[in-house]
Protein backbone atom coordinates (compact mmCIF):
# COMPACT_ATOMS: atom_id res chain seq x y z
CA MET A 1 1.78 -21.19 22.25
CA ASN A 2 -0.87 -18.84 20.78
CA ILE A 3 0.75 -15.77 19.28
CA ILE A 4 -1.74 -12.99 18.49
CA PHE A 5 -0.76 -10.29 15.94
CA GLN A 6 -3.17 -7.12 15.41
CA ILE A 7 -2.55 -4.74 12.50
CA ASN A 8 -4.52 -1.26 12.70
CA GLY A 9 -4.64 0.66 9.78
CA GLY A 10 -5.30 0.68 6.02
CA ILE A 11 -4.93 -2.12 3.29
CA GLY A 12 -1.49 -1.21 2.63
CA LYS A 13 -0.36 -1.77 6.01
CA SER A 14 -1.86 -5.02 6.25
CA VAL A 15 -0.24 -5.99 2.93
CA ALA A 16 3.14 -4.80 4.38
CA ALA A 17 2.53 -6.87 7.34
CA THR A 18 2.75 -10.19 5.64
CA GLY A 19 6.48 -9.72 5.68
CA VAL A 20 6.18 -9.38 9.43
CA VAL A 21 4.03 -12.63 9.52
CA ARG A 22 6.72 -14.62 7.77
CA SER A 23 9.38 -13.30 10.04
CA ILE A 24 7.02 -14.52 13.22
CA LYS A 25 6.53 -18.03 11.86
CA GLU A 26 10.39 -18.20 11.13
CA LYS A 27 10.99 -17.53 15.02
CA TYR A 28 8.19 -19.55 16.17
CA PRO A 29 7.57 -22.30 13.72
CA ASP A 30 5.61 -24.70 16.08
CA ASP A 31 3.21 -21.93 17.41
CA GLN A 32 -0.13 -20.90 16.35
CA LEU A 33 -0.12 -17.32 14.75
CA ILE A 34 -3.61 -15.81 15.00
CA VAL A 35 -3.91 -12.33 12.94
CA ILE A 36 -6.54 -9.88 13.43
CA THR A 37 -7.03 -7.32 10.51
CA ALA A 38 -9.61 -5.16 8.99
CA TYR A 39 -8.55 -6.85 5.55
CA PRO A 40 -8.33 -10.77 6.07
CA ASP A 41 -8.47 -11.15 2.23
CA VAL A 42 -4.95 -10.35 2.27
CA PHE A 43 -3.99 -13.35 4.14
CA LEU A 44 -5.82 -15.88 2.33
CA ASN A 45 -3.64 -19.03 1.54
CA ASN A 46 -0.72 -17.73 3.60
CA PRO A 47 1.17 -20.59 4.87
CA ASN A 48 2.46 -18.71 7.89
CA VAL A 49 -0.91 -17.92 9.43
CA ASP A 50 -3.08 -20.57 11.26
CA ARG A 51 -6.09 -18.03 11.90
CA CYS A 52 -7.06 -14.75 10.70
CA PHE A 53 -10.08 -12.59 12.11
CA GLY A 54 -11.71 -9.58 10.30
CA PRO A 55 -13.09 -6.73 12.26
CA MET A 56 -15.70 -7.72 15.25
CA ASN A 57 -15.45 -11.19 13.89
CA PHE A 58 -13.93 -12.88 16.98
CA PRO A 59 -16.63 -14.30 19.36
CA TYR A 60 -15.29 -16.15 22.28
CA PHE A 61 -11.60 -14.98 21.20
CA TYR A 62 -10.77 -14.60 24.90
CA GLU A 63 -11.87 -18.03 25.91
CA THR A 64 -10.42 -19.66 22.77
CA PHE A 65 -6.92 -18.18 22.60
CA ILE A 66 -6.05 -16.54 25.96
CA LYS A 67 -7.88 -18.12 28.83
CA ASP A 68 -5.86 -20.56 30.75
CA GLN A 69 -3.50 -20.92 27.80
CA GLU A 70 -0.01 -19.72 26.89
CA SER A 71 -0.19 -16.75 24.69
CA MET A 72 1.95 -14.05 23.34
CA THR A 73 0.45 -10.51 21.89
CA MET A 74 1.91 -8.35 19.27
CA LEU A 75 -0.50 -5.49 19.15
CA HIS A 76 1.52 -2.36 19.34
CA ASP A 77 1.44 0.02 16.29
CA PRO A 78 5.03 0.55 14.54
CA TYR A 79 4.04 3.94 13.52
CA LEU A 80 4.65 5.36 17.22
CA GLU A 81 7.92 3.87 17.24
CA THR A 82 11.18 6.02 17.33
CA ASN A 83 12.86 4.54 14.31
CA HIS A 84 9.58 5.16 12.47
CA ILE A 85 8.92 8.60 13.25
CA MET A 86 12.42 9.33 12.69
CA SER A 87 12.44 7.54 9.27
CA ASN A 88 15.48 5.57 10.25
CA GLU A 89 14.60 2.45 8.46
CA HIS A 90 11.94 0.35 6.66
CA LEU A 91 8.48 0.06 8.51
CA ILE A 92 8.67 -3.69 8.10
CA LYS A 93 12.01 -3.95 9.83
CA THR A 94 10.72 -1.43 12.67
CA TRP A 95 7.75 -3.68 13.09
CA CYS A 96 10.12 -6.82 13.45
CA ASN A 97 12.62 -5.13 15.62
CA MET A 98 9.66 -3.79 17.98
CA ASN A 99 8.69 -7.54 18.59
CA GLY A 100 12.13 -9.07 18.76
CA LEU A 101 12.18 -10.74 15.50
CA GLU A 102 15.74 -11.18 13.82
CA ASN A 103 14.63 -10.83 10.23
CA TRP A 104 12.45 -8.82 8.13
CA TYR A 105 11.05 -9.71 4.69
CA ALA A 106 9.24 -8.12 1.58
CA PRO A 107 5.26 -8.44 1.36
CA GLU A 108 3.82 -11.89 0.24
CA ILE A 109 0.44 -12.63 -1.31
CA TYR A 110 -0.67 -15.99 -2.43
CA ILE A 111 -2.83 -16.15 -5.62
CA THR A 112 -4.26 -19.36 -6.49
CA LYS A 113 -4.41 -20.68 -10.06
CA ARG A 114 -8.21 -20.47 -10.02
CA GLU A 115 -8.09 -16.87 -9.03
CA ILE A 116 -5.79 -16.10 -11.68
CA ASP A 117 -7.84 -17.98 -14.29
CA PHE A 118 -11.16 -16.12 -13.08
CA TYR A 119 -10.13 -12.72 -13.00
CA SER A 120 -7.86 -12.84 -16.14
CA ASP A 121 -10.97 -13.54 -18.10
CA LYS A 122 -12.83 -10.96 -16.35
CA PHE A 123 -10.09 -8.35 -17.18
CA HIS A 124 -9.66 -9.33 -20.90
CA SER A 125 -8.43 -6.36 -22.72
CA ASP A 126 -7.87 -5.91 -26.56
CA LYS A 127 -4.94 -3.77 -25.82
CA PRO A 128 -2.04 -3.76 -23.14
CA ILE A 129 -3.13 -2.71 -19.60
CA PHE A 130 -1.80 0.42 -18.14
CA LEU A 131 -2.71 0.18 -14.38
CA LEU A 132 -3.22 3.56 -12.74
CA GLN A 133 -3.67 4.34 -9.23
CA THR A 134 -3.50 8.32 -8.52
CA SER A 135 -5.35 8.59 -5.27
CA GLY A 136 -5.45 6.58 -1.62
CA GLY A 137 -6.71 6.63 1.62
CA ALA A 138 -9.84 5.72 3.35
CA PRO A 139 -13.40 6.30 2.16
CA GLY A 140 -15.04 9.71 3.12
CA GLN A 141 -12.11 11.80 3.54
CA GLU A 142 -12.77 15.60 3.39
CA HIS A 143 -10.39 16.37 0.30
CA LYS A 144 -10.73 14.24 -2.57
CA TYR A 145 -7.31 15.04 -3.55
CA SER A 146 -4.30 14.99 -1.12
CA TRP A 147 -1.30 16.94 -2.43
CA ALA A 148 0.97 14.99 0.04
CA ARG A 149 0.11 11.43 -1.37
CA ASP A 150 -1.72 11.57 -4.97
CA ILE A 151 -0.50 12.20 -8.30
CA PRO A 152 -1.83 15.67 -9.17
CA MET A 153 -4.76 15.65 -11.92
CA ILE A 154 -2.70 17.77 -13.95
CA VAL A 155 0.19 15.30 -14.03
CA ALA A 156 -2.01 12.41 -14.51
CA GLU A 157 -3.95 13.70 -17.50
CA LYS A 158 -0.53 14.38 -19.37
CA ILE A 159 0.31 10.61 -18.98
CA VAL A 160 -2.93 9.37 -19.86
CA GLU A 161 -2.80 11.26 -23.16
CA GLU A 162 0.52 9.88 -23.62
CA PHE A 163 -0.29 6.30 -23.50
CA ARG A 164 -4.24 6.18 -24.39
CA ASP A 165 -3.44 5.24 -28.02
CA THR A 166 -1.23 2.13 -27.29
CA HIS A 167 -2.84 1.06 -23.95
CA ASN A 168 -5.91 0.58 -22.23
CA VAL A 169 -5.56 2.65 -19.12
CA VAL A 170 -7.44 1.21 -16.11
CA HIS A 171 -7.86 3.66 -13.25
CA VAL A 172 -8.10 2.11 -9.82
CA ARG A 173 -10.43 4.38 -7.75
CA ARG A 174 -13.55 4.46 -5.62
CA GLU A 175 -16.40 6.72 -6.69
CA ASP A 176 -15.61 8.93 -4.12
CA GLN A 177 -12.10 9.80 -5.74
CA LEU A 178 -11.24 11.82 -8.60
CA SER A 179 -12.13 10.60 -12.15
CA LEU A 180 -9.92 10.82 -15.48
CA ASN A 181 -11.11 10.97 -18.78
CA ASN A 182 -10.06 8.18 -21.43
CA THR A 183 -9.61 5.38 -18.50
CA PHE A 184 -11.70 2.94 -17.55
CA PRO A 185 -12.35 2.93 -13.67
CA ILE A 186 -12.18 0.02 -11.63
CA HIS A 187 -12.92 -0.72 -7.85
CA ASP A 188 -12.53 -4.57 -6.99
CA ASN A 189 -11.07 -6.75 -4.08
CA ILE A 190 -7.38 -7.10 -3.20
CA ARG A 191 -7.38 -10.40 -4.88
CA ALA A 192 -8.92 -9.26 -8.09
CA LEU A 193 -6.68 -6.24 -8.25
CA SER A 194 -3.68 -8.54 -7.62
CA VAL A 195 -4.44 -10.54 -10.81
CA LEU A 196 -5.12 -7.40 -12.77
CA ALA A 197 -1.53 -6.12 -11.66
CA SER A 198 -0.11 -9.23 -12.96
CA ILE A 199 -1.48 -9.25 -16.25
CA SER A 200 -0.78 -5.35 -16.75
CA ASP A 201 2.24 -4.11 -18.96
CA LYS A 202 2.73 -0.94 -17.38
CA ARG A 203 1.91 0.35 -13.77
CA LEU A 204 1.88 3.83 -12.25
CA LEU A 205 1.30 3.97 -8.60
CA ILE A 206 1.46 6.09 -5.58
CA ASP A 207 2.25 5.33 -1.81
CA SER A 208 -0.69 3.30 -1.33
CA PHE A 209 -1.90 -0.56 -1.32
CA LEU A 210 -1.06 -1.22 -4.78
CA GLN A 211 2.43 -0.51 -4.69
CA HIS A 212 2.79 -3.06 -1.72
CA VAL A 213 0.80 -5.58 -3.76
CA CYS A 214 2.99 -5.39 -6.76
CA ALA A 215 6.16 -5.64 -4.39
CA ALA A 216 4.35 -8.86 -3.02
CA ILE A 217 3.99 -10.22 -6.41
CA GLN A 218 7.36 -9.13 -7.79
CA LEU A 219 6.36 -6.59 -10.32
CA LYS A 220 8.47 -3.57 -10.95
CA SER A 221 6.44 -0.59 -11.37
CA THR A 222 6.84 3.36 -11.29
CA VAL A 223 5.81 4.59 -7.82
CA CYS A 224 5.46 8.61 -7.13
CA TRP A 225 6.12 9.87 -3.73
CA VAL A 226 5.39 13.54 -2.46
CA VAL A 227 6.09 13.63 1.60
CA ASN A 228 6.61 9.73 2.39
CA LYS A 229 9.86 8.19 1.69
CA PRO A 230 10.42 4.98 -0.31
CA GLU A 231 13.18 3.90 2.07
CA VAL A 232 10.31 3.84 4.69
CA PHE A 233 7.41 2.43 2.91
CA GLY A 234 8.77 1.66 -0.42
CA TYR A 235 10.58 -1.26 -2.21
CA PRO A 236 14.10 -1.10 -4.11
CA LEU A 237 12.12 -3.37 -6.66
CA HIS A 238 10.22 -0.16 -7.85
CA ASP A 239 11.54 2.85 -9.98
CA ASN A 240 10.60 5.34 -7.08
CA ILE A 241 9.96 8.94 -8.34
CA LEU A 242 10.66 11.56 -5.78
CA ALA A 243 8.75 14.55 -5.80
CA GLU A 244 10.75 17.74 -6.86
CA PRO A 245 12.00 20.28 -4.25
CA PHE A 246 9.41 22.64 -2.59
CA THR A 247 9.04 25.95 -4.06
CA ASN A 248 7.41 27.54 -1.20
CA PRO A 249 8.80 28.05 2.35
CA TYR A 250 7.27 26.04 4.88
CA ASP A 251 7.85 26.22 8.81
CA TYR A 252 6.10 23.22 10.18
CA LYS A 253 4.14 25.34 12.84
CA ASN A 254 1.34 22.69 12.91
CA SER A 255 3.40 19.69 12.60
CA MET A 256 4.08 17.12 15.66
CA TYR A 257 5.41 13.54 14.86
CA ASN A 258 5.06 13.93 10.81
CA PRO A 259 6.36 17.03 8.80
CA PHE A 260 2.53 16.80 6.95
CA ASP A 261 -0.68 15.63 7.06
CA ILE A 262 -0.67 12.77 4.75
CA LEU A 263 -4.51 13.58 4.01
CA GLY A 264 -3.30 17.03 2.15
CA ASN A 265 -4.09 19.67 4.24
CA PRO A 266 -4.16 22.75 1.92
CA ASP A 267 -2.55 24.96 4.43
CA GLU A 268 0.49 23.05 4.41
CA PHE A 269 0.93 23.07 0.65
CA PRO A 270 4.56 23.85 -0.01
CA TYR A 271 4.36 24.49 -3.86
CA ARG A 272 3.10 27.37 -5.77
CA HIS A 273 1.05 25.10 -7.99
CA GLU A 274 0.38 21.30 -8.30
CA GLY A 275 2.25 21.14 -11.65
CA GLU A 276 5.51 21.80 -9.81
CA ILE A 277 5.16 18.61 -7.83
CA PHE A 278 6.34 16.19 -10.21
CA ASN A 279 8.30 16.38 -13.63
CA VAL A 280 5.98 14.53 -15.99
CA ASP A 281 8.89 13.77 -18.38
CA THR A 282 10.85 11.74 -15.74
CA ILE A 283 7.56 9.73 -14.92
CA ILE A 284 6.79 8.79 -18.73
CA LYS A 285 10.73 7.98 -19.37
CA SER A 286 10.15 5.37 -16.50
CA LEU A 287 7.09 3.99 -17.82
CA ARG A 288 8.80 3.58 -21.14
């Protein structure tokens, strides 16, 4: 049988989905698992995946995998499930339950020795590496900073100042995201960043793809959370730092299935200023 598993969304969602594919293959070990994702590099060398297709890269797909064959599709989005909207359980567990899968697993990424050797040389550093991700989301967002997901610059600057003398602070960011002084900016593919994470000494991340990657390669990290919950998107391996309580009243008048727009609508900001979102000393203590 052909099992067609489609992932809609960002790179972090595809990394999380590697835990789902393990559960699929566990239940259907003799069937062919075909994954469709915008980020096929996530599934390179994954022993649970038979075929993986990137966006718009599947000519003759119907004829090859569906026409006159026994096929099963897993195409629905877990973000629309009741248990996810109500924050009742982890995203991966919801994803597995909605497809009739008994068990759920943490993400898995399979990096080869050749990749480790190549990228380790590329990222050679004269001091220990402090890996920092302050912003997430897709390219071209209206707001460069999302209060609902990102680490405020006023907080990040204090943390960089605290560790700049002992570490090389490598700031993972795109050109369209906010920059930080006294850091080394980097934008690379997920395989390279996975190796970079593996050779780093400290990691400060947000609810974005790198915290899923570090869970996949079993690297305890400090992860900051504003509106999303680590019980739903995170992992107990990490030191999960929650935002401070709101200091401004908010009545959720524009909210539907989620309390806040993850892109950080400024009209929804429930604090008096960005310096109130996180306790800097708590983050530094975690990193130390």
